[in-house]
Structures are given as structure tokens and as C-alpha cells.
Amino acid sequence: MVWTIQGNTEEELPEVALGGVRINALDLLAAKPLDLSAAPAPRPTSSLPDAQTPSRRR
């Protein structure tokens, strides 16, 4: 999995990778439930007005 910031103009292109992670030999049967009941509420990650918020690719 690699994270990038979407480039919307020619000045922002080409996009480059910000970071990545490789998961090898993942055993989903050994996974333990994550208790989120005590976790704080997520904070907003963007301060951009709605018109400038990048669209999500599907």
C-alpha cells in the first residue's frame, strides 16, 4: 500500500509516493478484535473548503 497526495494541476504533477508499507504473510485468523469504545473521536484531517476538497477516486 502506498500513500500519495492527488495532483490536480500541472504544477502538482507528477504525483510521488509519500510512504508505503508491505504486509507479508498476514494471518487474518490470528487477528484480535480492536476495541474502539475508549478511543477519542477522530479529528477532521482537512481545513480546505468543500469546493477545494479533492474528490475521492473510486
N, C-alpha and C. Protein backbone atom coordinates (compact mmCIF):
# COMPACT_ATOMS: atom_id res chain seq x y z
N MET A 1 0.85 -1.14 0.00
CA MET A 1 0.00 0.00 0.00
C MET A 1 0.91 1.22 0.00
N VAL A 2 0.59 2.19 -0.84
CA VAL A 2 1.39 3.42 -0.95
C VAL A 2 0.47 4.62 -0.84
N TRP A 3 0.90 5.66 -0.13
CA TRP A 3 0.12 6.88 0.04
C TRP A 3 0.68 7.98 -0.84
N THR A 4 -0.23 8.70 -1.49
CA THR A 4 0.14 9.86 -2.30
C THR A 4 -0.85 10.98 -2.04
N ILE A 5 -0.48 12.18 -2.45
CA ILE A 5 -1.42 13.31 -2.45
C ILE A 5 -1.79 13.55 -3.90
N GLN A 6 -3.09 13.63 -4.16
CA GLN A 6 -3.57 13.77 -5.53
C GLN A 6 -3.16 15.11 -6.12
N GLY A 7 -2.55 15.07 -7.29
CA GLY A 7 -2.20 16.29 -8.01
C GLY A 7 -3.36 16.70 -8.90
N ASN A 8 -3.81 17.94 -8.80
CA ASN A 8 -4.94 18.39 -9.59
C ASN A 8 -4.55 19.36 -10.69
N THR A 9 -3.35 19.90 -10.65
CA THR A 9 -2.89 20.84 -11.68
C THR A 9 -1.55 20.36 -12.23
N GLU A 10 -1.14 20.93 -13.36
CA GLU A 10 0.14 20.55 -13.96
C GLU A 10 1.31 20.80 -13.01
N GLU A 11 1.22 21.85 -12.19
CA GLU A 11 2.30 22.17 -11.24
C GLU A 11 2.44 21.11 -10.16
N GLU A 12 1.34 20.40 -9.86
CA GLU A 12 1.35 19.38 -8.81
C GLU A 12 1.70 17.99 -9.34
N LEU A 13 1.92 17.89 -10.64
CA LEU A 13 2.22 16.59 -11.25
C LEU A 13 3.71 16.51 -11.60
N PRO A 14 4.34 15.38 -11.65
CA PRO A 14 3.76 14.07 -11.37
C PRO A 14 3.63 13.85 -9.87
N GLU A 15 2.67 13.01 -9.51
CA GLU A 15 2.49 12.66 -8.10
C GLU A 15 3.63 11.73 -7.68
N VAL A 16 4.03 11.84 -6.43
CA VAL A 16 5.09 10.97 -5.92
C VAL A 16 4.60 10.26 -4.66
N ALA A 17 5.19 9.14 -4.36
CA ALA A 17 4.81 8.38 -3.17
C ALA A 17 5.31 9.09 -1.92
N LEU A 18 4.43 9.21 -0.91
CA LEU A 18 4.81 9.80 0.38
C LEU A 18 5.32 8.75 1.35
N GLY A 19 4.76 7.57 1.25
CA GLY A 19 5.18 6.49 2.14
C GLY A 19 4.46 5.22 1.73
N GLY A 20 4.94 4.12 2.22
CA GLY A 20 4.32 2.85 1.87
C GLY A 20 4.61 1.79 2.91
N VAL A 21 3.86 0.72 2.80
CA VAL A 21 4.03 -0.40 3.72
C VAL A 21 3.75 -1.69 2.96
N ARG A 22 4.47 -2.72 3.32
CA ARG A 22 4.25 -4.04 2.73
C ARG A 22 3.91 -4.99 3.87
N ILE A 23 2.82 -5.71 3.70
CA ILE A 23 2.41 -6.69 4.70
C ILE A 23 2.63 -8.07 4.10
N ASN A 24 3.41 -8.88 4.77
CA ASN A 24 3.77 -10.19 4.26
C ASN A 24 3.23 -11.27 5.20
N ALA A 25 2.64 -12.29 4.63
CA ALA A 25 2.14 -13.45 5.38
C ALA A 25 1.15 -13.05 6.47
N LEU A 26 0.17 -12.26 6.11
CA LEU A 26 -0.86 -11.80 7.04
C LEU A 26 -1.79 -12.96 7.37
N ASP A 27 -1.98 -13.25 8.66
CA ASP A 27 -2.86 -14.33 9.10
C ASP A 27 -4.11 -13.72 9.71
N LEU A 28 -5.17 -13.61 8.92
CA LEU A 28 -6.41 -12.98 9.40
C LEU A 28 -7.09 -13.80 10.49
N LEU A 29 -6.86 -15.11 10.52
CA LEU A 29 -7.47 -15.94 11.56
C LEU A 29 -6.85 -15.69 12.93
N ALA A 30 -5.65 -15.14 12.98
CA ALA A 30 -4.98 -14.84 14.25
C ALA A 30 -5.26 -13.41 14.72
N ALA A 31 -6.02 -12.65 13.94
CA ALA A 31 -6.31 -11.26 14.29
C ALA A 31 -7.17 -11.18 15.55
N LYS A 32 -6.93 -10.16 16.35
CA LYS A 32 -7.71 -9.94 17.57
C LYS A 32 -8.59 -8.72 17.37
N PRO A 33 -9.80 -8.73 17.95
CA PRO A 33 -10.71 -7.58 17.79
C PRO A 33 -10.09 -6.30 18.35
N LEU A 34 -10.37 -5.20 17.71
CA LEU A 34 -9.89 -3.90 18.14
C LEU A 34 -11.01 -3.20 18.90
N ASP A 35 -10.77 -2.81 20.15
CA ASP A 35 -11.77 -2.14 20.97
C ASP A 35 -11.65 -0.63 20.77
N LEU A 36 -12.59 -0.06 20.05
CA LEU A 36 -12.58 1.37 19.77
C LEU A 36 -13.49 2.16 20.70
N SER A 37 -14.11 1.49 21.67
CA SER A 37 -15.06 2.19 22.55
C SER A 37 -14.37 3.24 23.42
N ALA A 38 -13.10 3.05 23.76
CA ALA A 38 -12.39 4.01 24.60
C ALA A 38 -11.56 4.99 23.78
N ALA A 39 -11.59 4.85 22.46
CA ALA A 39 -10.78 5.72 21.60
C ALA A 39 -11.42 7.09 21.48
N PRO A 40 -10.62 8.16 21.39
CA PRO A 40 -11.18 9.50 21.18
C PRO A 40 -11.81 9.61 19.80
N ALA A 41 -12.74 10.54 19.65
CA ALA A 41 -13.38 10.77 18.36
C ALA A 41 -12.35 11.25 17.36
N PRO A 42 -12.44 10.82 16.10
CA PRO A 42 -11.47 11.28 15.10
C PRO A 42 -11.59 12.77 14.85
N ARG A 43 -10.43 13.41 14.64
CA ARG A 43 -10.40 14.85 14.34
C ARG A 43 -10.46 15.04 12.84
N PRO A 44 -11.02 16.15 12.39
CA PRO A 44 -11.01 16.43 10.94
C PRO A 44 -9.58 16.51 10.44
N THR A 45 -9.35 16.00 9.23
CA THR A 45 -8.00 15.99 8.69
C THR A 45 -7.76 17.07 7.66
N SER A 46 -8.81 17.80 7.27
CA SER A 46 -8.65 18.81 6.23
C SER A 46 -9.28 20.11 6.66
N SER A 47 -8.62 21.20 6.33
CA SER A 47 -9.18 22.52 6.60
C SER A 47 -9.58 23.21 5.30
N LEU A 48 -9.61 22.44 4.18
CA LEU A 48 -9.98 23.01 2.90
C LEU A 48 -11.49 23.24 2.82
N PRO A 49 -11.93 24.33 2.21
CA PRO A 49 -13.36 24.49 1.98
C PRO A 49 -13.87 23.37 1.07
N ASP A 50 -15.16 23.07 1.12
CA ASP A 50 -15.72 21.97 0.35
C ASP A 50 -15.38 22.06 -1.13
N ALA A 51 -15.36 23.25 -1.71
CA ALA A 51 -15.08 23.40 -3.14
C ALA A 51 -13.65 22.99 -3.48
N GLN A 52 -12.74 23.02 -2.51
CA GLN A 52 -11.34 22.67 -2.78
C GLN A 52 -10.99 21.27 -2.32
N THR A 53 -11.91 20.57 -1.67
CA THR A 53 -11.61 19.24 -1.19
C THR A 53 -11.45 18.31 -2.38
N PRO A 54 -10.32 17.59 -2.48
CA PRO A 54 -10.11 16.70 -3.61
C PRO A 54 -11.17 15.60 -3.63
N SER A 55 -11.61 15.24 -4.81
CA SER A 55 -12.59 14.16 -4.93
C SER A 55 -11.90 12.84 -4.66
N ARG A 56 -12.65 11.89 -4.16
CA ARG A 56 -12.11 10.57 -3.88
C ARG A 56 -12.24 9.70 -5.11
N ARG A 57 -11.17 9.02 -5.45
CA ARG A 57 -11.21 8.12 -6.60
C ARG A 57 -11.90 6.83 -6.19
N ARG A 58 -12.66 6.29 -7.11
CA ARG A 58 -13.37 5.02 -6.81
C ARG A 58 -12.81 3.93 -7.65
